[in-house]
C-alpha atoms as a PDB file:
ATOM      1  CA  MET A   1     -15.979  17.022 -19.892  1.00  0.00           C
ATOM      2  CA  THR A   2     -12.608  18.745 -20.759  1.00  0.00           C
ATOM      3  CA  LEU A   3      -9.268  20.251 -19.965  1.00  0.00           C
ATOM      4  CA  GLU A   4     -10.698  22.232 -17.056  1.00  0.00           C
ATOM      5  CA  ASN A   5     -12.200  19.517 -15.382  1.00  0.00           C
ATOM      6  CA  ALA A   6      -9.521  16.938 -15.687  1.00  0.00           C
ATOM      7  CA  SER A   7      -6.934  15.555 -13.171  1.00  0.00           C
ATOM      8  CA  PRO A   8      -3.800  16.687 -13.447  1.00  0.00           C
ATOM      9  CA  PHE A   9      -1.420  15.153 -16.067  1.00  0.00           C
ATOM     10  CA  PHE A  10       1.370  13.949 -13.817  1.00  0.00           C
ATOM     11  CA  ALA A  11       1.671  10.651 -12.034  1.00  0.00           C
ATOM     12  CA  TRP A  12       4.264   8.378 -10.873  1.00  0.00           C
ATOM     13  CA  ASP A  13       5.226   6.416 -14.032  1.00  0.00           C
ATOM     14  CA  VAL A  14       8.523   4.618 -14.925  1.00  0.00           C
ATOM     15  CA  SER A  15       9.631   7.399 -16.503  1.00  0.00           C
ATOM     16  CA  SER A  16       8.760   9.733 -13.385  1.00  0.00           C
ATOM     17  CA  TYR A  17      10.730   7.348 -11.161  1.00  0.00           C
ATOM     18  CA  LEU A  18      13.880   7.078 -13.785  1.00  0.00           C
ATOM     19  CA  ALA A  19      13.998  10.806 -13.890  1.00  0.00           C
ATOM     20  CA  LEU A  20      13.939  11.305  -9.955  1.00  0.00           C
ATOM     21  CA  PHE A  21      16.918   8.649 -10.403  1.00  0.00           C
ATOM     22  CA  LEU A  22      18.465  10.703 -12.618  1.00  0.00           C
ATOM     23  CA  ILE A  23      18.172  13.641 -10.733  1.00  0.00           C
ATOM     24  CA  THR A  24      19.131  12.081  -7.598  1.00  0.00           C
ATOM     25  CA  ALA A  25      22.388  10.414  -8.730  1.00  0.00           C
ATOM     26  CA  PHE A  26      23.329  13.806 -10.508  1.00  0.00           C
ATOM     27  CA  MET A  27      23.142  15.739  -7.025  1.00  0.00           C
ATOM     28  CA  ILE A  28      25.224  12.579  -5.366  1.00  0.00           C
ATOM     29  CA  VAL A  29      28.004  12.665  -7.859  1.00  0.00           C
ATOM     30  CA  SER A  30      27.885  16.842  -7.867  1.00  0.00           C
ATOM     31  CA  LEU A  31      28.391  17.165  -4.190  1.00  0.00           C
ATOM     32  CA  ASP A  32      30.672  14.426  -4.340  1.00  0.00           C
ATOM     33  CA  HIS A  33      33.089  15.980  -6.469  1.00  0.00           C
ATOM     34  CA  LEU A  34      32.542  19.818  -5.370  1.00  0.00           C
ATOM     35  CA  PHE A  35      33.132  18.731  -1.379  1.00  0.00           C
ATOM     36  CA  PHE A  36      34.829  15.407  -1.249  1.00  0.00           C
ATOM     37  CA  ASN A  37      36.760  14.346  -4.347  1.00  0.00           C
ATOM     38  CA  LYS A  38      38.347  17.219  -5.407  1.00  0.00           C
ATOM     39  CA  ALA A  39      42.278  15.957  -5.097  1.00  0.00           C
ATOM     40  CA  GLU A  40      41.352  12.850  -7.242  1.00  0.00           C
ATOM     41  CA  SER A  41      39.412  14.781  -9.916  1.00  0.00           C
ATOM     42  CA  SER A  42      42.661  16.719 -10.376  1.00  0.00           C
ATOM     43  CA  GLN A  43      44.324  13.336 -10.983  1.00  0.00           C
ATOM     44  CA  HIS A  44      42.919  13.123 -14.707  1.00  0.00           C
ATOM     45  CA  PRO A  45      42.972  16.662 -16.326  1.00  0.00           C
ATOM     46  CA  THR A  46      41.572  16.771 -19.740  1.00  0.00           C
ATOM     47  CA  PRO A  47      43.502  19.837 -21.186  1.00  0.00           C
ATOM     48  CA  ASP A  48      41.680  19.092 -24.825  1.00  0.00           C
ATOM     49  CA  LYS A  49      38.678  19.901 -23.648  1.00  0.00           C
ATOM     50  CA  THR A  50      37.365  23.098 -23.547  1.00  0.00           C
ATOM     51  CA  GLY A  51      34.605  23.996 -19.921  1.00  0.00           C
ATOM     52  CA  PHE A  52      31.983  23.387 -21.889  1.00  0.00           C
ATOM     53  CA  ALA A  53      32.812  20.240 -23.611  1.00  0.00           C
ATOM     54  CA  LYS A  54      33.670  18.741 -20.110  1.00  0.00           C
ATOM     55  CA  PHE A  55      30.512  20.108 -18.579  1.00  0.00           C
ATOM     56  CA  VAL A  56      28.769  17.896 -21.585  1.00  0.00           C
ATOM     57  CA  TYR A  57      30.238  14.995 -20.851  1.00  0.00           C
ATOM     58  CA  PHE A  58      29.871  14.885 -16.760  1.00  0.00           C
ATOM     59  CA  VAL A  59      26.290  15.304 -17.904  1.00  0.00           C
ATOM     60  CA  LEU A  60      25.993  12.358 -20.175  1.00  0.00           C
ATOM     61  CA  PHE A  61      28.661  10.393 -18.102  1.00  0.00           C
ATOM     62  CA  LEU A  62      28.766  11.665 -14.671  1.00  0.00           C
ATOM     63  CA  ARG A  63      32.411  12.026 -15.201  1.00  0.00           C
ATOM     64  CA  PHE A  64      35.023  14.662 -16.812  1.00  0.00           C
ATOM     65  CA  ASN A  65      36.655  12.025 -19.152  1.00  0.00           C
ATOM     66  CA  LYS A  66      36.484   8.285 -19.640  1.00  0.00           C
ATOM     67  CA  ASN A  67      39.260   7.474 -17.240  1.00  0.00           C
ATOM     68  CA  GLU A  68      37.974   8.939 -13.849  1.00  0.00           C
ATOM     69  CA  LYS A  69      37.558   6.109 -12.106  1.00  0.00           C
ATOM     70  CA  TYR A  70      35.139   5.852  -8.455  1.00  0.00           C
ATOM     71  CA  ALA A  71      36.768   3.187  -6.874  1.00  0.00           C
ATOM     72  CA  ASN A  72      37.527   4.644  -3.659  1.00  0.00           C
ATOM     73  CA  ARG A  73      34.184   6.395  -3.310  1.00  0.00           C
ATOM     74  CA  PRO A  74      31.557   5.646  -1.267  1.00  0.00           C
ATOM     75  CA  LYS A  75      29.178   2.602  -2.778  1.00  0.00           C
ATOM     76  CA  MET A  76      25.938   5.422  -3.261  1.00  0.00           C
ATOM     77  CA  VAL A  77      28.666   7.325  -5.937  1.00  0.00           C
ATOM     78  CA  GLN A  78      30.113   4.370  -7.284  1.00  0.00           C
ATOM     79  CA  TRP A  79      26.514   2.882  -8.430  1.00  0.00           C
ATOM     80  CA  SER A  80      24.804   6.188  -8.992  1.00  0.00           C
ATOM     81  CA  ALA A  81      28.105   6.888 -11.343  1.00  0.00           C
ATOM     82  CA  GLU A  82      27.955   3.642 -13.203  1.00  0.00           C
ATOM     83  CA  PHE A  83      23.890   3.221 -13.188  1.00  0.00           C
ATOM     84  CA  PHE A  84      23.546   6.880 -14.813  1.00  0.00           C
ATOM     85  CA  PRO A  85      24.657   6.637 -18.486  1.00  0.00           C
ATOM     86  CA  VAL A  86      22.448   3.332 -18.662  1.00  0.00           C
ATOM     87  CA  LEU A  87      19.302   4.977 -17.231  1.00  0.00           C
ATOM     88  CA  LEU A  88      19.447   8.345 -18.748  1.00  0.00           C
ATOM     89  CA  LEU A  89      19.962   6.367 -22.393  1.00  0.00           C
ATOM     90  CA  ILE A  90      16.829   4.548 -21.317  1.00  0.00           C
ATOM     91  CA  PHE A  91      14.749   7.740 -20.217  1.00  0.00           C
ATOM     92  CA  LEU A  92      15.900   9.427 -23.415  1.00  0.00           C
ATOM     93  CA  LEU A  93      14.220   6.802 -25.963  1.00  0.00           C
ATOM     94  CA  ARG A  94      11.168   6.217 -23.752  1.00  0.00           C
ATOM     95  CA  GLY A  95      10.867  10.150 -23.765  1.00  0.00           C
ATOM     96  CA  PHE A  96      11.670  11.103 -27.293  1.00  0.00           C
ATOM     97  CA  ILE A  97      11.437   8.318 -29.643  1.00  0.00           C
ATOM     98  CA  VAL A  98       9.549   5.337 -28.372  1.00  0.00           C
ATOM     99  CA  GLU A  99       7.888   3.574 -25.443  1.00  0.00           C
ATOM    100  CA  PRO A 100       6.729   0.351 -24.570  1.00  0.00           C
ATOM    101  CA  PHE A 101       3.085  -0.432 -23.269  1.00  0.00           C
ATOM    102  CA  ARG A 102       1.179  -3.699 -22.270  1.00  0.00           C
ATOM    103  CA  ILE A 103      -2.167  -3.794 -23.605  1.00  0.00           C
ATOM    104  CA  PRO A 104      -4.677  -5.209 -20.399  1.00  0.00           C
ATOM    105  CA  SER A 105      -8.021  -5.223 -21.698  1.00  0.00           C
ATOM    106  CA  ASN A 106      -9.579  -6.126 -24.800  1.00  0.00           C
ATOM    107  CA  SER A 107     -11.381  -2.744 -25.265  1.00  0.00           C
ATOM    108  CA  MET A 108      -9.294  -2.593 -28.157  1.00  0.00           C
ATOM    109  CA  MET A 109      -9.940  -6.236 -29.722  1.00  0.00           C
ATOM    110  CA  PRO A 110      -9.676  -7.479 -32.560  1.00  0.00           C
ATOM    111  CA  THR A 111      -6.966  -5.116 -33.453  1.00  0.00           C
ATOM    112  CA  LEU A 112      -5.287  -5.500 -29.945  1.00  0.00           C
ATOM    113  CA  LEU A 113      -5.624  -8.434 -27.992  1.00  0.00           C
ATOM    114  CA  THR A 114      -5.021  -8.568 -23.904  1.00  0.00           C
ATOM    115  CA  GLY A 115      -1.253  -9.377 -23.654  1.00  0.00           C
ATOM    116  CA  ASP A 116      -0.375  -7.453 -26.606  1.00  0.00           C
ATOM    117  CA  PHE A 117       2.781  -5.505 -25.978  1.00  0.00           C
ATOM    118  CA  ILE A 118       3.143  -2.541 -27.835  1.00  0.00           C
ATOM    119  CA  LEU A 119       5.424   0.437 -28.944  1.00  0.00           C
ATOM    120  CA  VAL A 120       4.125   3.410 -28.730  1.00  0.00           C
ATOM    121  CA  SER A 121       5.774   6.756 -30.956  1.00  0.00           C
ATOM    122  CA  LYS A 122       7.014   9.622 -28.997  1.00  0.00           C
ATOM    123  CA  PHE A 123       7.670  11.821 -31.921  1.00  0.00           C
ATOM    124  CA  ASN A 124       4.676  11.456 -34.440  1.00  0.00           C
ATOM    125  CA  TYR A 125       2.874  14.520 -33.494  1.00  0.00           C
ATOM    126  CA  GLY A 126       5.942  16.329 -31.748  1.00  0.00           C
ATOM    127  CA  ILE A 127       8.489  16.845 -29.541  1.00  0.00           C
ATOM    128  CA  SER A 128       7.404  17.009 -25.472  1.00  0.00           C
ATOM    129  CA  ILE A 129       9.273  17.528 -22.437  1.00  0.00           C
ATOM    130  CA  PRO A 130       9.190  13.748 -20.389  1.00  0.00           C
ATOM    131  CA  VAL A 131       7.188  13.419 -17.566  1.00  0.00           C
ATOM    132  CA  LEU A 132       5.165  16.785 -17.618  1.00  0.00           C
ATOM    133  CA  ASN A 133       4.105  16.154 -21.321  1.00  0.00           C
ATOM    134  CA  LYS A 134       4.716  19.502 -22.738  1.00  0.00           C
ATOM    135  CA  LYS A 135       4.945  20.036 -25.991  1.00  0.00           C
ATOM    136  CA  LEU A 136       7.794  21.925 -27.467  1.00  0.00           C
ATOM    137  CA  ILE A 137       7.711  21.103 -31.255  1.00  0.00           C
ATOM    138  CA  GLU A 138       4.850  20.092 -33.002  1.00  0.00           C
ATOM    139  CA  PHE A 139       4.785  17.982 -35.684  1.00  0.00           C
ATOM    140  CA  GLU A 140       1.214  16.986 -36.707  1.00  0.00           C
ATOM    141  CA  LYS A 141      -2.159  17.174 -35.529  1.00  0.00           C
ATOM    142  CA  PRO A 142      -3.506  13.561 -34.713  1.00  0.00           C
ATOM    143  CA  LYS A 143      -6.185  12.187 -37.162  1.00  0.00           C
ATOM    144  CA  ARG A 144      -9.089  10.200 -37.307  1.00  0.00           C
ATOM    145  CA  GLY A 145      -8.417   6.361 -37.134  1.00  0.00           C
ATOM    146  CA  ASP A 146      -5.143   6.992 -34.991  1.00  0.00           C
ATOM    147  CA  VAL A 147      -4.816   4.968 -32.234  1.00  0.00           C
ATOM    148  CA  ILE A 148      -3.534   6.939 -29.484  1.00  0.00           C
ATOM    149  CA  VAL A 149      -2.168   6.139 -25.516  1.00  0.00           C
ATOM    150  CA  PHE A 150      -3.127   9.030 -23.440  1.00  0.00           C
ATOM    151  CA  ARG A 151      -3.021   9.826 -19.783  1.00  0.00           C
ATOM    152  CA  TYR A 152      -6.973   9.494 -18.539  1.00  0.00           C
ATOM    153  CA  PRO A 153      -8.179  12.862 -17.855  1.00  0.00           C
ATOM    154  CA  ASN A 154     -10.446  10.824 -14.871  1.00  0.00           C
ATOM    155  CA  TYR A 155     -12.640  13.851 -14.577  1.00  0.00           C
ATOM    156  CA  GLU A 156     -14.579  11.738 -11.867  1.00  0.00           C
ATOM    157  CA  LYS A 157     -11.706  12.220  -9.775  1.00  0.00           C
ATOM    158  CA  ASN A 158     -11.267   8.446  -9.298  1.00  0.00           C
ATOM    159  CA  ASP A 159      -8.161   7.274  -6.993  1.00  0.00           C
ATOM    160  CA  LYS A 160      -8.414   3.745  -8.957  1.00  0.00           C
ATOM    161  CA  TYR A 161      -7.697   5.618 -12.368  1.00  0.00           C
ATOM    162  CA  GLN A 162      -5.439   8.039 -11.430  1.00  0.00           C
ATOM    163  CA  GLY A 163      -2.484   8.480 -13.462  1.00  0.00           C
ATOM    164  CA  ALA A 164      -3.499   5.759 -15.685  1.00  0.00           C
ATOM    165  CA  ASP A 165      -2.763   5.181 -19.975  1.00  0.00           C
ATOM    166  CA  PHE A 166      -5.456   4.325 -21.933  1.00  0.00           C
ATOM    167  CA  ILE A 167      -5.401   3.082 -25.626  1.00  0.00           C
ATOM    168  CA  LYS A 168      -8.550   3.959 -27.917  1.00  0.00           C
ATOM    169  CA  ARG A 169      -8.696   5.003 -31.628  1.00  0.00           C
ATOM    170  CA  ILE A 170      -9.420   8.944 -32.627  1.00  0.00           C
ATOM    171  CA  VAL A 171     -12.986   8.834 -34.304  1.00  0.00           C
ATOM    172  CA  GLY A 172     -13.476  12.839 -34.485  1.00  0.00           C
ATOM    173  CA  ILE A 173     -11.266  15.788 -34.018  1.00  0.00           C
ATOM    174  CA  GLN A 174     -11.781  19.267 -32.852  1.00  0.00           C
ATOM    175  CA  GLY A 175     -15.011  20.648 -34.144  1.00  0.00           C
ATOM    176  CA  ASP A 176     -16.178  17.258 -35.493  1.00  0.00           C
ATOM    177  CA  GLU A 177     -19.996  16.406 -34.880  1.00  0.00           C
ATOM    178  CA  VAL A 178     -19.986  12.863 -33.658  1.00  0.00           C
ATOM    179  CA  VAL A 179     -23.461  10.652 -33.622  1.00  0.00           C
ATOM    180  CA  TYR A 180     -23.028   6.808 -32.579  1.00  0.00           C
ATOM    181  CA  HIS A 181     -26.744   5.127 -32.502  1.00  0.00           C
ATOM    182  CA  ALA A 182     -27.164   1.884 -33.375  1.00  0.00           C
ATOM    183  CA  ASP A 183     -23.456   0.722 -33.785  1.00  0.00           C
ATOM    184  CA  GLN A 184     -23.295   2.869 -36.294  1.00  0.00           C
ATOM    185  CA  LEU A 185     -21.094   5.676 -37.022  1.00  0.00           C
ATOM    186  CA  ARG A 186     -21.569   9.346 -38.160  1.00  0.00           C
ATOM    187  CA  VAL A 187     -18.531  12.202 -38.432  1.00  0.00           C
ATOM    188  CA  ASN A 188     -20.057  15.387 -39.354  1.00  0.00           C
ATOM    189  CA  GLY A 189     -23.276  13.988 -40.907  1.00  0.00           C
ATOM    190  CA  VAL A 190     -21.370  11.641 -42.922  1.00  0.00           C
ATOM    191  CA  LYS A 191     -22.447   7.827 -42.477  1.00  0.00           C
ATOM    192  CA  ILE A 192     -19.443   5.569 -42.117  1.00  0.00           C
ATOM    193  CA  ALA A 193     -19.443   2.955 -44.068  1.00  0.00           C
ATOM    194  CA  TYR A 194     -18.606  -0.518 -43.046  1.00  0.00           C
ATOM    195  CA  GLU A 195     -17.662  -3.985 -44.711  1.00  0.00           C
ATOM    196  CA  ASP A 196     -18.885  -7.511 -42.643  1.00  0.00           C
ATOM    197  CA  PHE A 197     -16.802 -10.295 -42.227  1.00  0.00           C
ATOM    198  CA  LYS A 198     -18.099 -13.695 -40.097  1.00  0.00           C
ATOM    199  CA  ASP A 199     -18.197 -13.707 -36.649  1.00  0.00           C
ATOM    200  CA  TYR A 200     -15.409 -13.649 -34.966  1.00  0.00           C
ATOM    201  CA  GLN A 201     -13.659 -16.537 -32.975  1.00  0.00           C
ATOM    202  CA  GLY A 202     -12.131 -15.098 -29.852  1.00  0.00           C
ATOM    203  CA  VAL A 203      -8.907 -16.877 -28.137  1.00  0.00           C
ATOM    204  CA  GLU A 204      -7.422 -16.226 -24.747  1.00  0.00           C
ATOM    205  CA  SER A 205      -8.763 -13.802 -22.443  1.00  0.00           C
ATOM    206  CA  GLY A 206     -11.154 -12.648 -25.307  1.00  0.00           C
ATOM    207  CA  THR A 207     -12.748 -15.866 -26.019  1.00  0.00           C
ATOM    208  CA  ASP A 208     -16.128 -14.021 -24.508  1.00  0.00           C
ATOM    209  CA  MET A 209     -16.129 -12.271 -27.815  1.00  0.00           C
ATOM    210  CA  THR A 210     -16.622 -15.386 -29.842  1.00  0.00           C
ATOM    211  CA  GLY A 211     -19.266 -14.835 -32.253  1.00  0.00           C
ATOM    212  CA  PHE A 212     -19.383 -10.980 -31.974  1.00  0.00           C
ATOM    213  CA  LYS A 213     -20.054  -9.366 -35.287  1.00  0.00           C
ATOM    214  CA  HIS A 214     -16.411  -8.495 -37.169  1.00  0.00           C
ATOM    215  CA  LYS A 215     -16.772  -6.060 -39.140  1.00  0.00           C
ATOM    216  CA  ARG A 216     -14.490  -3.750 -41.166  1.00  0.00           C
ATOM    217  CA  GLU A 217     -14.989   0.873 -40.300  1.00  0.00           C
ATOM    218  CA  LEU A 218     -14.236   2.406 -43.296  1.00  0.00           C
ATOM    219  CA  LEU A 219     -12.858   5.527 -41.418  1.00  0.00           C
ATOM    220  CA  GLU A 220     -11.665   8.137 -44.169  1.00  0.00           C
ATOM    221  CA  ALA A 221      -7.914   6.625 -44.797  1.00  0.00           C
ATOM    222  CA  ASN A 222      -7.569   4.419 -41.911  1.00  0.00           C
ATOM    223  CA  PRO A 223     -10.047   1.521 -41.932  1.00  0.00           C
ATOM    224  CA  HIS A 224     -10.098  -0.946 -38.973  1.00  0.00           C
ATOM    225  CA  ASP A 225     -11.749  -3.373 -37.585  1.00  0.00           C
ATOM    226  CA  ILE A 226     -13.932  -3.745 -35.059  1.00  0.00           C
ATOM    227  CA  LEU A 227     -16.562  -6.047 -33.278  1.00  0.00           C
ATOM    228  CA  LEU A 228     -20.059  -5.640 -32.057  1.00  0.00           C
ATOM    229  CA  ASP A 229     -21.955  -7.351 -29.568  1.00  0.00           C
ATOM    230  CA  PRO A 230     -24.715  -9.290 -31.831  1.00  0.00           C
ATOM    231  CA  ASN A 231     -27.209  -9.409 -28.788  1.00  0.00           C
ATOM    232  CA  ARG A 232     -27.582  -5.751 -27.723  1.00  0.00           C
ATOM    233  CA  ALA A 233     -26.309  -2.477 -29.392  1.00  0.00           C
ATOM    234  CA  SER A 234     -23.154  -0.484 -27.642  1.00  0.00           C
ATOM    235  CA  ARG A 235     -23.764   2.883 -25.562  1.00  0.00           C
ATOM    236  CA  GLY A 236     -24.803   5.663 -28.179  1.00  0.00           C
ATOM    237  CA  VAL A 237     -23.862   9.428 -28.134  1.00  0.00           C
ATOM    238  CA  LYS A 238     -24.162  12.509 -29.893  1.00  0.00           C
ATOM    239  CA  ALA A 239     -21.671  15.334 -29.281  1.00  0.00           C
ATOM    240  CA  THR A 240     -19.334  18.180 -30.628  1.00  0.00           C
ATOM    241  CA  VAL A 241     -15.704  18.372 -30.222  1.00  0.00           C
ATOM    242  CA  PRO A 242     -14.205  21.266 -28.503  1.00  0.00           C
ATOM    243  CA  ALA A 243     -11.124  22.848 -29.472  1.00  0.00           C
ATOM    244  CA  GLY A 244      -7.987  20.968 -28.790  1.00  0.00           C
ATOM    245  CA  HIS A 245      -9.629  17.779 -27.839  1.00  0.00           C
ATOM    246  CA  TYR A 246     -10.640  14.645 -29.529  1.00  0.00           C
ATOM    247  CA  PHE A 247     -13.198  11.813 -29.447  1.00  0.00           C
ATOM    248  CA  VAL A 248     -12.248   8.831 -28.784  1.00  0.00           C
ATOM    249  CA  MET A 249     -13.899   4.716 -29.315  1.00  0.00           C
ATOM    250  CA  GLY A 250     -12.299   1.288 -28.689  1.00  0.00           C
ATOM    251  CA  ASP A 251     -12.825  -0.945 -31.443  1.00  0.00           C
ATOM    252  CA  ASN A 252     -14.596  -3.717 -29.107  1.00  0.00           C
ATOM    253  CA  ARG A 253     -17.708  -1.357 -28.943  1.00  0.00           C
ATOM    254  CA  SER A 254     -19.371  -2.969 -26.561  1.00  0.00           C
ATOM    255  CA  ARG A 255     -16.605  -3.441 -24.110  1.00  0.00           C
ATOM    256  CA  SER A 256     -14.962   0.046 -23.957  1.00  0.00           C
ATOM    257  CA  SER A 257     -14.745   2.223 -21.938  1.00  0.00           C
ATOM    258  CA  ASP A 258     -14.447   6.123 -23.824  1.00  0.00           C
ATOM    259  CA  SER A 259     -15.049   9.248 -24.641  1.00  0.00           C
ATOM    260  CA  ARG A 260     -19.207   8.122 -25.232  1.00  0.00           C
ATOM    261  CA  PHE A 261     -18.977   7.478 -21.390  1.00  0.00           C
ATOM    262  CA  TRP A 262     -16.600   9.950 -19.507  1.00  0.00           C
ATOM    263  CA  GLY A 263     -15.740  12.690 -22.132  1.00  0.00           C
ATOM    264  CA  PHE A 264     -13.364  14.239 -24.521  1.00  0.00           C
ATOM    265  CA  VAL A 265      -9.362  13.602 -24.586  1.00  0.00           C
ATOM    266  CA  PRO A 266      -7.576  16.951 -23.989  1.00  0.00           C
ATOM    267  CA  GLU A 267      -4.632  16.897 -26.643  1.00  0.00           C
ATOM    268  CA  SER A 268      -2.018  17.640 -23.985  1.00  0.00           C
ATOM    269  CA  TYR A 269      -2.530  14.242 -22.286  1.00  0.00           C
ATOM    270  CA  ILE A 270      -1.935  12.224 -25.533  1.00  0.00           C
ATOM    271  CA  VAL A 271       1.122  10.312 -24.927  1.00  0.00           C
ATOM    272  CA  GLY A 272       1.922   8.680 -28.459  1.00  0.00           C
ATOM    273  CA  LYS A 273       0.673   6.941 -30.944  1.00  0.00           C
ATOM    274  CA  ALA A 274       0.744   3.328 -31.378  1.00  0.00           C
ATOM    275  CA  PHE A 275       2.025   1.976 -34.565  1.00  0.00           C
ATOM    276  CA  GLY A 276       3.450  -1.465 -33.804  1.00  0.00           C
ATOM    277  CA  ILE A 277       3.294  -5.150 -31.336  1.00  0.00           C
ATOM    278  CA  TRP A 278       6.370  -6.310 -30.234  1.00  0.00           C
ATOM    279  CA  MET A 279       5.577  -9.568 -28.557  1.00  0.00           C
ATOM    280  CA  HIS A 280       2.207 -11.544 -27.065  1.00  0.00           C
ATOM    281  CA  TYR A 281       1.870 -12.847 -23.794  1.00  0.00           C
ATOM    282  CA  ASP A 282      -1.448 -13.907 -22.487  1.00  0.00           C
ATOM    283  CA  ASP A 283      -2.181 -17.296 -21.812  1.00  0.00           C
ATOM    284  CA  SER A 284       1.113 -18.201 -23.913  1.00  0.00           C
ATOM    285  CA  LEU A 285       3.714 -16.804 -26.325  1.00  0.00           C
ATOM    286  CA  LYS A 286       1.942 -15.471 -29.871  1.00  0.00           C
ATOM    287  CA  PHE A 287       4.814 -14.444 -31.987  1.00  0.00           C
ATOM    288  CA  GLU A 288       2.466 -14.306 -34.895  1.00  0.00           C
ATOM    289  CA  ARG A 289       1.073 -11.128 -33.221  1.00  0.00           C
ATOM    290  CA  ILE A 290       4.246  -9.405 -33.955  1.00  0.00           C
ATOM    291  CA  GLY A 291       3.960  -6.901 -36.311  1.00  0.00           C
ATOM    292  CA  SER A 292       2.208  -3.009 -37.383  1.00  0.00           C
ATOM    293  CA  PHE A 293      -1.618  -3.111 -37.046  1.00  0.00           C
ATOM    294  CA  ASP A 294      -4.544  -0.323 -38.407  1.00  0.00           C
END
């Protein structure tokens, strides 16, 4: 499955609701200035600012200068003006710098555990329009081994997953032939090497993975740990990655719904690159989880 079969990227999430509030607040205060609050606006002139400077200040703070107050205006206008700058800052940080996500499943064990709160860079691959995810400037392409958050393409049009964000690891980029058979990965005919560790000891929601084979997959410049079910091989696949798409897999190979099952990730559906854990809470807080990961 590829982009032409995917569901629309847009979904009602935190960023979408923030954008809706910001637009609504801007309209409320702007209409108040235009039709109801002209007299008070004239009491706070800003002769030292150009028209453009005043406009920019208004766009950022919903007022033309720092002395402008809304004490005698309706509560809706007051609340819109007061909350707007803070929520605008949050929106810009989430949209262009970094966005937090929570890991909801065991599919990326042992790298990421259920209950990990991760940070996702929004600028590693370029600058995109928030909410729509339309790329304006490209910095670099995603690479094999990158852990990415992406909007699930939902090729099967399942309402349960509409607008859901997934996290997986890229194992194939456009043009790659990816073969996964008997828990052995090959990319473009090259057999990926592994290092063996002792059997995995699961914790909290991952206790069912106790006894799984714990290996290190030496995928080019991004080696990483994976888990394999000792009782059965996980699903195999042979596929060539089309242009503008990526082949992704979970590190917990037998417990991951990924490209082996539902197809490729369109590049335009990639939200960002995951790079660190800032908190963990599943059954308990685990501060030792805080930090970067492979």
